[in-house]
């Protein structure tokens, strides 16, 4: 495979563009940059792998009553002294 080179008229993908590519939402004009830039392609493939790995994680939620138990422990301090006098 010939070496990939960076063209000044086609700058590296931004982090937002890499994320869009990993989700399949990046426009064709910017996606073509990946054919010429090994650095961006490597970054984009790592990002896509991360999305796939995250999708494999099990879903979970707090058990019933979690919020009530947390809020029962929250202490809101009351002002002391004569403020505003």
PDB file of N, CA and C in Angstrom:
ATOM      1  N   UNK A   1       0.851  -1.167   0.000  1.00  0.00           N
ATOM      2  CA  UNK A   1       0.000   0.000   0.000  1.00  0.00           C
ATOM      3  C   UNK A   1       0.897   1.230   0.000  1.00  0.00           C
ATOM      4  N   UNK A   2       0.608   2.232  -0.830  1.00  0.00           N
ATOM      5  CA  UNK A   2       1.441   3.442  -0.861  1.00  0.00           C
ATOM      6  C   UNK A   2       1.282   4.232   0.434  1.00  0.00           C
ATOM      7  N   UNK A   3       2.323   4.980   0.802  1.00  0.00           N
ATOM      8  CA  UNK A   3       2.214   5.751   2.044  1.00  0.00           C
ATOM      9  C   UNK A   3       1.124   6.810   1.926  1.00  0.00           C
ATOM     10  N   UNK A   4       0.435   7.029   3.044  1.00  0.00           N
ATOM     11  CA  UNK A   4      -0.598   8.049   3.074  1.00  0.00           C
ATOM     12  C   UNK A   4       0.058   9.377   3.414  1.00  0.00           C
ATOM     13  N   UNK A   5      -0.364  10.421   2.726  1.00  0.00           N
ATOM     14  CA  UNK A   5       0.217  11.733   2.975  1.00  0.00           C
ATOM     15  C   UNK A   5      -0.880  12.737   3.296  1.00  0.00           C
ATOM     16  N   UNK A   6      -0.512  13.721   4.089  1.00  0.00           N
ATOM     17  CA  UNK A   6      -1.443  14.772   4.488  1.00  0.00           C
ATOM     18  C   UNK A   6      -1.406  15.877   3.454  1.00  0.00           C
ATOM     19  N   UNK A   7      -2.563  16.291   3.000  1.00  0.00           N
ATOM     20  CA  UNK A   7      -2.672  17.379   2.044  1.00  0.00           C
ATOM     21  C   UNK A   7      -3.125  18.629   2.788  1.00  0.00           C
ATOM     22  N   UNK A   8      -2.483  19.759   2.532  1.00  0.00           N
ATOM     23  CA  UNK A   8      -2.821  20.979   3.249  1.00  0.00           C
ATOM     24  C   UNK A   8      -4.248  21.434   2.981  1.00  0.00           C
ATOM     25  N   UNK A   9      -4.806  21.094   1.830  1.00  0.00           N
ATOM     26  CA  UNK A   9      -6.184  21.492   1.521  1.00  0.00           C
ATOM     27  C   UNK A   9      -7.207  20.556   2.153  1.00  0.00           C
ATOM     28  N   UNK A  10      -6.747  19.514   2.792  1.00  0.00           N
ATOM     29  CA  UNK A  10      -7.623  18.525   3.416  1.00  0.00           C
ATOM     30  C   UNK A  10      -7.108  18.254   4.833  1.00  0.00           C
ATOM     31  N   UNK A  11      -7.383  19.165   5.783  1.00  0.00           N
ATOM     32  CA  UNK A  11      -6.818  19.037   7.126  1.00  0.00           C
ATOM     33  C   UNK A  11      -7.337  17.809   7.867  1.00  0.00           C
ATOM     34  N   UNK A  12      -6.609  17.459   8.923  1.00  0.00           N
ATOM     35  CA  UNK A  12      -7.000  16.315   9.761  1.00  0.00           C
ATOM     36  C   UNK A  12      -8.434  16.466  10.250  1.00  0.00           C
ATOM     37  N   UNK A  13      -9.053  15.327  10.513  1.00  0.00           N
ATOM     38  CA  UNK A  13     -10.394  15.342  11.085  1.00  0.00           C
ATOM     39  C   UNK A  13     -10.336  15.884  12.503  1.00  0.00           C
ATOM     40  N   UNK A  14     -11.342  16.633  12.879  1.00  0.00           N
ATOM     41  CA  UNK A  14     -11.456  17.118  14.250  1.00  0.00           C
ATOM     42  C   UNK A  14     -11.969  15.970  15.117  1.00  0.00           C
ATOM     43  N   UNK A  15     -11.839  16.072  16.433  1.00  0.00           N
ATOM     44  CA  UNK A  15     -12.413  15.035  17.301  1.00  0.00           C
ATOM     45  C   UNK A  15     -13.914  14.842  17.061  1.00  0.00           C
ATOM     46  N   UNK A  16     -14.634  15.924  16.821  1.00  0.00           N
ATOM     47  CA  UNK A  16     -16.072  15.792  16.534  1.00  0.00           C
ATOM     48  C   UNK A  16     -16.317  15.032  15.240  1.00  0.00           C
ATOM     49  N   UNK A  17     -15.492  15.287  14.226  1.00  0.00           N
ATOM     50  CA  UNK A  17     -15.643  14.576  12.948  1.00  0.00           C
ATOM     51  C   UNK A  17     -15.307  13.092  13.100  1.00  0.00           C
ATOM     52  N   UNK A  18     -14.305  12.778  13.906  1.00  0.00           N
ATOM     53  CA  UNK A  18     -13.952  11.373  14.156  1.00  0.00           C
ATOM     54  C   UNK A  18     -15.134  10.670  14.812  1.00  0.00           C
ATOM     55  N   UNK A  19     -15.749  11.330  15.782  1.00  0.00           N
ATOM     56  CA  UNK A  19     -16.907  10.731  16.449  1.00  0.00           C
ATOM     57  C   UNK A  19     -18.064  10.535  15.467  1.00  0.00           C
ATOM     58  N   UNK A  20     -18.312  11.528  14.630  1.00  0.00           N
ATOM     59  CA  UNK A  20     -19.367  11.384  13.624  1.00  0.00           C
ATOM     60  C   UNK A  20     -19.075  10.223  12.682  1.00  0.00           C
ATOM     61  N   UNK A  21     -17.816  10.084  12.258  1.00  0.00           N
ATOM     62  CA  UNK A  21     -17.449   8.974  11.376  1.00  0.00           C
ATOM     63  C   UNK A  21     -17.699   7.637  12.063  1.00  0.00           C
ATOM     64  N   UNK A  22     -17.297   7.546  13.340  1.00  0.00           N
ATOM     65  CA  UNK A  22     -17.468   6.290  14.071  1.00  0.00           C
ATOM     66  C   UNK A  22     -18.942   5.905  14.183  1.00  0.00           C
ATOM     67  N   UNK A  23     -19.803   6.907  14.155  1.00  0.00           N
ATOM     68  CA  UNK A  23     -21.243   6.658  14.233  1.00  0.00           C
ATOM     69  C   UNK A  23     -21.886   6.533  12.849  1.00  0.00           C
ATOM     70  N   UNK A  24     -21.064   6.680  11.799  1.00  0.00           N
ATOM     71  CA  UNK A  24     -21.583   6.576  10.440  1.00  0.00           C
ATOM     72  C   UNK A  24     -22.304   7.827   9.972  1.00  0.00           C
ATOM     73  N   UNK A  25     -21.978   8.972  10.568  1.00  0.00           N
ATOM     74  CA  UNK A  25     -22.699  10.204  10.264  1.00  0.00           C
ATOM     75  C   UNK A  25     -21.854  11.285   9.597  1.00  0.00           C
ATOM     76  N   UNK A  26     -20.598  10.994   9.317  1.00  0.00           N
ATOM     77  CA  UNK A  26     -19.724  11.989   8.706  1.00  0.00           C
ATOM     78  C   UNK A  26     -19.976  12.066   7.202  1.00  0.00           C
ATOM     79  N   UNK A  27     -20.013  13.271   6.683  1.00  0.00           N
ATOM     80  CA  UNK A  27     -20.251  13.474   5.255  1.00  0.00           C
ATOM     81  C   UNK A  27     -19.159  12.843   4.400  1.00  0.00           C
ATOM     82  N   UNK A  28     -19.521  12.549   3.166  1.00  0.00           N
ATOM     83  CA  UNK A  28     -18.615  11.850   2.251  1.00  0.00           C
ATOM     84  C   UNK A  28     -17.341  12.636   1.970  1.00  0.00           C
ATOM     85  N   UNK A  29     -17.445  13.956   1.846  1.00  0.00           N
ATOM     86  CA  UNK A  29     -16.262  14.763   1.521  1.00  0.00           C
ATOM     87  C   UNK A  29     -15.183  14.628   2.593  1.00  0.00           C
ATOM     88  N   UNK A  30     -15.581  14.654   3.866  1.00  0.00           N
ATOM     89  CA  UNK A  30     -14.590  14.521   4.939  1.00  0.00           C
ATOM     90  C   UNK A  30     -14.184  13.065   5.135  1.00  0.00           C
ATOM     91  N   UNK A  31     -15.076  12.132   4.867  1.00  0.00           N
ATOM     92  CA  UNK A  31     -14.748  10.716   4.989  1.00  0.00           C
ATOM     93  C   UNK A  31     -13.636  10.338   4.018  1.00  0.00           C
ATOM     94  N   UNK A  32     -13.607  10.976   2.851  1.00  0.00           N
ATOM     95  CA  UNK A  32     -12.569  10.691   1.860  1.00  0.00           C
ATOM     96  C   UNK A  32     -11.171  10.993   2.404  1.00  0.00           C
ATOM     97  N   UNK A  33     -11.061  11.885   3.365  1.00  0.00           N
ATOM     98  CA  UNK A  33      -9.763  12.221   3.962  1.00  0.00           C
ATOM     99  C   UNK A  33      -9.107  10.977   4.561  1.00  0.00           C
ATOM    100  N   UNK A  34      -9.925  10.068   5.062  1.00  0.00           N
ATOM    101  CA  UNK A  34      -9.390   8.863   5.703  1.00  0.00           C
ATOM    102  C   UNK A  34      -8.619   7.976   4.727  1.00  0.00           C
ATOM    103  N   UNK A  35      -8.904   8.081   3.459  1.00  0.00           N
ATOM    104  CA  UNK A  35      -8.187   7.294   2.460  1.00  0.00           C
ATOM    105  C   UNK A  35      -6.751   7.780   2.278  1.00  0.00           C
ATOM    106  N   UNK A  36      -6.513   9.045   2.632  1.00  0.00           N
ATOM    107  CA  UNK A  36      -5.177   9.629   2.451  1.00  0.00           C
ATOM    108  C   UNK A  36      -4.392   9.811   3.733  1.00  0.00           C
ATOM    109  N   UNK A  37      -5.033   9.670   4.873  1.00  0.00           N
ATOM    110  CA  UNK A  37      -4.361  10.011   6.139  1.00  0.00           C
ATOM    111  C   UNK A  37      -4.407   8.849   7.122  1.00  0.00           C
ATOM    112  N   UNK A  38      -3.289   8.181   7.276  1.00  0.00           N
ATOM    113  CA  UNK A  38      -3.191   7.032   8.177  1.00  0.00           C
ATOM    114  C   UNK A  38      -3.447   7.445   9.630  1.00  0.00           C
ATOM    115  N   UNK A  39      -2.977   8.624  10.032  1.00  0.00           N
ATOM    116  CA  UNK A  39      -3.169   9.082  11.418  1.00  0.00           C
ATOM    117  C   UNK A  39      -4.656   9.217  11.742  1.00  0.00           C
ATOM    118  N   UNK A  40      -5.405   9.853  10.855  1.00  0.00           N
ATOM    119  CA  UNK A  40      -6.837  10.018  11.090  1.00  0.00           C
ATOM    120  C   UNK A  40      -7.566   8.677  11.020  1.00  0.00           C
ATOM    121  N   UNK A  41      -7.160   7.830  10.100  1.00  0.00           N
ATOM    122  CA  UNK A  41      -7.797   6.515   9.973  1.00  0.00           C
ATOM    123  C   UNK A  41      -7.581   5.695  11.243  1.00  0.00           C
ATOM    124  N   UNK A  42      -6.360   5.694  11.764  1.00  0.00           N
ATOM    125  CA  UNK A  42      -6.082   4.957  13.002  1.00  0.00           C
ATOM    126  C   UNK A  42      -6.924   5.488  14.155  1.00  0.00           C
ATOM    127  N   UNK A  43      -6.993   6.804  14.285  1.00  0.00           N
ATOM    128  CA  UNK A  43      -7.789   7.418  15.347  1.00  0.00           C
ATOM    129  C   UNK A  43      -9.261   7.070  15.182  1.00  0.00           C
ATOM    130  N   UNK A  44      -9.764   7.167  13.960  1.00  0.00           N
ATOM    131  CA  UNK A  44     -11.172   6.879  13.695  1.00  0.00           C
ATOM    132  C   UNK A  44     -11.511   5.412  13.975  1.00  0.00           C
ATOM    133  N   UNK A  45     -10.625   4.512  13.612  1.00  0.00           N
ATOM    134  CA  UNK A  45     -10.885   3.093  13.880  1.00  0.00           C
ATOM    135  C   UNK A  45     -10.877   2.795  15.376  1.00  0.00           C
ATOM    136  N   UNK A  46      -9.975   3.442  16.123  1.00  0.00           N
ATOM    137  CA  UNK A  46      -9.988   3.276  17.589  1.00  0.00           C
ATOM    138  C   UNK A  46     -11.300   3.799  18.182  1.00  0.00           C
ATOM    139  N   UNK A  47     -11.777   4.928  17.671  1.00  0.00           N
ATOM    140  CA  UNK A  47     -13.035   5.496  18.151  1.00  0.00           C
ATOM    141  C   UNK A  47     -14.206   4.560  17.852  1.00  0.00           C
ATOM    142  N   UNK A  48     -14.226   4.011  16.646  1.00  0.00           N
ATOM    143  CA  UNK A  48     -15.304   3.087  16.290  1.00  0.00           C
ATOM    144  C   UNK A  48     -15.260   1.840  17.180  1.00  0.00           C
ATOM    145  N   UNK A  49     -14.053   1.338  17.460  1.00  0.00           N
ATOM    146  CA  UNK A  49     -13.921   0.182  18.352  1.00  0.00           C
ATOM    147  C   UNK A  49     -14.440   0.518  19.747  1.00  0.00           C
ATOM    148  N   UNK A  50     -14.145   1.719  20.219  1.00  0.00           N
ATOM    149  CA  UNK A  50     -14.638   2.137  21.528  1.00  0.00           C
ATOM    150  C   UNK A  50     -16.160   2.130  21.560  1.00  0.00           C
ATOM    151  N   UNK A  51     -16.804   2.674  20.520  1.00  0.00           N
ATOM    152  CA  UNK A  51     -18.263   2.661  20.465  1.00  0.00           C
ATOM    153  C   UNK A  51     -18.798   1.227  20.481  1.00  0.00           C
ATOM    154  N   UNK A  52     -18.157   0.348  19.727  1.00  0.00           N
ATOM    155  CA  UNK A  52     -18.600  -1.054  19.703  1.00  0.00           C
ATOM    156  C   UNK A  52     -18.424  -1.704  21.070  1.00  0.00           C
ATOM    157  N   UNK A  53     -17.283  -1.460  21.715  1.00  0.00           N
ATOM    158  CA  UNK A  53     -17.036  -2.035  23.038  1.00  0.00           C
ATOM    159  C   UNK A  53     -18.044  -1.519  24.064  1.00  0.00           C
ATOM    160  N   UNK A  54     -18.332  -0.225  24.014  1.00  0.00           N
ATOM    161  CA  UNK A  54     -19.303   0.342  24.951  1.00  0.00           C
ATOM    162  C   UNK A  54     -20.694  -0.240  24.732  1.00  0.00           C
ATOM    163  N   UNK A  55     -21.046  -0.490  23.481  1.00  0.00           N
ATOM    164  CA  UNK A  55     -22.361  -1.061  23.175  1.00  0.00           C
ATOM    165  C   UNK A  55     -22.498  -2.478  23.727  1.00  0.00           C
ATOM    166  N   UNK A  56     -21.367  -3.160  23.935  1.00  0.00           N
ATOM    167  CA  UNK A  56     -21.380  -4.533  24.455  1.00  0.00           C
ATOM    168  C   UNK A  56     -21.585  -4.595  25.966  1.00  0.00           C
ATOM    169  N   UNK A  57     -21.368  -3.472  26.657  1.00  0.00           N
ATOM    170  CA  UNK A  57     -21.491  -3.475  28.115  1.00  0.00           C
ATOM    171  C   UNK A  57     -22.948  -3.691  28.520  1.00  0.00           C
ATOM    172  N   UNK A  58     -23.154  -4.409  29.612  1.00  0.00           N
ATOM    173  CA  UNK A  58     -24.530  -4.618  30.063  1.00  0.00           C
ATOM    174  C   UNK A  58     -25.132  -3.309  30.577  1.00  0.00           C
ATOM    175  N   UNK A  59     -26.420  -3.158  30.346  1.00  0.00           N
ATOM    176  CA  UNK A  59     -27.136  -2.001  30.876  1.00  0.00           C
ATOM    177  C   UNK A  59     -27.450  -2.259  32.340  1.00  0.00           C
ATOM    178  N   UNK A  60     -27.457  -1.208  33.106  1.00  0.00           N
ATOM    179  CA  UNK A  60     -27.826  -1.366  34.498  1.00  0.00           C
ATOM    180  C   UNK A  60     -28.480  -0.077  34.973  1.00  0.00           C
ATOM    181  N   UNK A  61     -29.190  -0.187  36.031  1.00  0.00           N
ATOM    182  CA  UNK A  61     -29.829   0.968  36.641  1.00  0.00           C
ATOM    183  C   UNK A  61     -29.805   0.799  38.143  1.00  0.00           C
ATOM    184  N   UNK A  62     -30.039   1.868  38.859  1.00  0.00           N
ATOM    185  CA  UNK A  62     -30.037   1.752  40.320  1.00  0.00           C
ATOM    186  C   UNK A  62     -31.209   0.902  40.791  1.00  0.00           C
ATOM    187  N   UNK A  63     -31.012   0.257  41.916  1.00  0.00           N
ATOM    188  CA  UNK A  63     -32.094  -0.561  42.444  1.00  0.00           C
ATOM    189  C   UNK A  63     -33.196   0.320  43.014  1.00  0.00           C
ATOM    190  N   UNK A  64     -34.356  -0.263  43.170  1.00  0.00           N
ATOM    191  CA  UNK A  64     -35.532   0.460  43.647  1.00  0.00           C
ATOM    192  C   UNK A  64     -35.221   1.146  44.977  1.00  0.00           C
ATOM    193  N   UNK A  65     -35.609   2.410  45.100  1.00  0.00           N
ATOM    194  CA  UNK A  65     -35.427   3.154  46.338  1.00  0.00           C
ATOM    195  C   UNK A  65     -34.086   3.842  46.470  1.00  0.00           C
ATOM    196  N   UNK A  66     -33.211   3.704  45.466  1.00  0.00           N
ATOM    197  CA  UNK A  66     -31.879   4.301  45.549  1.00  0.00           C
ATOM    198  C   UNK A  66     -31.955   5.811  45.761  1.00  0.00           C
ATOM    199  N   UNK A  67     -32.753   6.496  44.942  1.00  0.00           N
ATOM    200  CA  UNK A  67     -32.836   7.945  45.045  1.00  0.00           C
ATOM    201  C   UNK A  67     -33.335   8.368  46.423  1.00  0.00           C
ATOM    202  N   UNK A  68     -34.316   7.690  46.945  1.00  0.00           N
ATOM    203  CA  UNK A  68     -34.856   8.035  48.255  1.00  0.00           C
ATOM    204  C   UNK A  68     -33.797   7.856  49.350  1.00  0.00           C
ATOM    205  N   UNK A  69     -32.993   6.790  49.243  1.00  0.00           N
ATOM    206  CA  UNK A  69     -31.942   6.570  50.248  1.00  0.00           C
ATOM    207  C   UNK A  69     -30.873   7.655  50.169  1.00  0.00           C
ATOM    208  N   UNK A  70     -30.514   8.058  48.974  1.00  0.00           N
ATOM    209  CA  UNK A  70     -29.522   9.120  48.820  1.00  0.00           C
ATOM    210  C   UNK A  70     -30.067  10.430  49.366  1.00  0.00           C
ATOM    211  N   UNK A  71     -31.273  10.789  48.948  1.00  0.00           N
ATOM    212  CA  UNK A  71     -31.844  12.071  49.370  1.00  0.00           C
ATOM    213  C   UNK A  71     -32.072  12.122  50.883  1.00  0.00           C
ATOM    214  N   UNK A  72     -32.312  10.981  51.507  1.00  0.00           N
ATOM    215  CA  UNK A  72     -32.483  10.956  52.962  1.00  0.00           C
ATOM    216  C   UNK A  72     -31.190  11.316  53.681  1.00  0.00           C
ATOM    217  N   UNK A  73     -30.060  11.163  53.023  1.00  0.00           N
ATOM    218  CA  UNK A  73     -28.761  11.477  53.632  1.00  0.00           C
ATOM    219  C   UNK A  73     -28.261  12.880  53.288  1.00  0.00           C
ATOM    220  N   UNK A  74     -28.939  13.557  52.363  1.00  0.00           N
ATOM    221  CA  UNK A  74     -28.511  14.891  51.966  1.00  0.00           C
ATOM    222  C   UNK A  74     -28.869  15.874  53.070  1.00  0.00           C
ATOM    223  N   UNK A  75     -27.898  16.655  53.465  1.00  0.00           N
ATOM    224  CA  UNK A  75     -28.109  17.675  54.485  1.00  0.00           C
ATOM    225  C   UNK A  75     -27.887  19.033  53.840  1.00  0.00           C
ATOM    226  N   UNK A  76     -28.899  19.881  53.922  1.00  0.00           N
ATOM    227  CA  UNK A  76     -28.791  21.228  53.390  1.00  0.00           C
ATOM    228  C   UNK A  76     -28.563  22.157  54.573  1.00  0.00           C
ATOM    229  N   UNK A  77     -27.421  22.814  54.601  1.00  0.00           N
ATOM    230  CA  UNK A  77     -27.132  23.681  55.756  1.00  0.00           C
ATOM    231  C   UNK A  77     -28.077  24.868  55.801  1.00  0.00           C
ATOM    232  N   UNK A  78     -28.434  25.248  57.005  1.00  0.00           N
ATOM    233  CA  UNK A  78     -29.279  26.431  57.195  1.00  0.00           C
ATOM    234  C   UNK A  78     -28.369  27.573  57.597  1.00  0.00           C
ATOM    235  N   UNK A  79     -28.687  28.775  57.104  1.00  0.00           N
ATOM    236  CA  UNK A  79     -27.845  29.928  57.455  1.00  0.00           C
ATOM    237  C   UNK A  79     -27.935  30.218  58.955  1.00  0.00           C
ATOM    238  N   UNK A  80     -26.823  30.650  59.492  1.00  0.00           N
ATOM    239  CA  UNK A  80     -26.815  31.056  60.893  1.00  0.00           C
ATOM    240  C   UNK A  80     -26.411  32.511  60.965  1.00  0.00           C
ATOM    241  N   UNK A  81     -26.806  33.172  62.006  1.00  0.00           N
ATOM    242  CA  UNK A  81     -26.444  34.590  62.159  1.00  0.00           C
ATOM    243  C   UNK A  81     -27.514  35.484  61.573  1.00  0.00           C
ATOM    244  N   UNK A  82     -27.278  36.726  61.675  1.00  0.00           N
ATOM    245  CA  UNK A  82     -28.211  37.746  61.195  1.00  0.00           C
ATOM    246  C   UNK A  82     -27.689  38.356  59.912  1.00  0.00           C
ATOM    247  N   UNK A  83     -27.899  37.668  58.808  1.00  0.00           N
ATOM    248  CA  UNK A  83     -27.444  38.164  57.520  1.00  0.00           C
ATOM    249  C   UNK A  83     -28.411  39.228  57.029  1.00  0.00           C
ATOM    250  N   UNK A  84     -27.889  40.229  56.384  1.00  0.00           N
ATOM    251  CA  UNK A  84     -28.728  41.247  55.767  1.00  0.00           C
ATOM    252  C   UNK A  84     -29.235  42.300  56.738  1.00  0.00           C
ATOM    253  N   UNK A  85     -28.743  42.321  57.968  1.00  0.00           N
ATOM    254  CA  UNK A  85     -29.183  43.350  58.918  1.00  0.00           C
ATOM    255  C   UNK A  85     -28.116  44.355  59.183  1.00  0.00           C
TER     256      UNK A  85
END
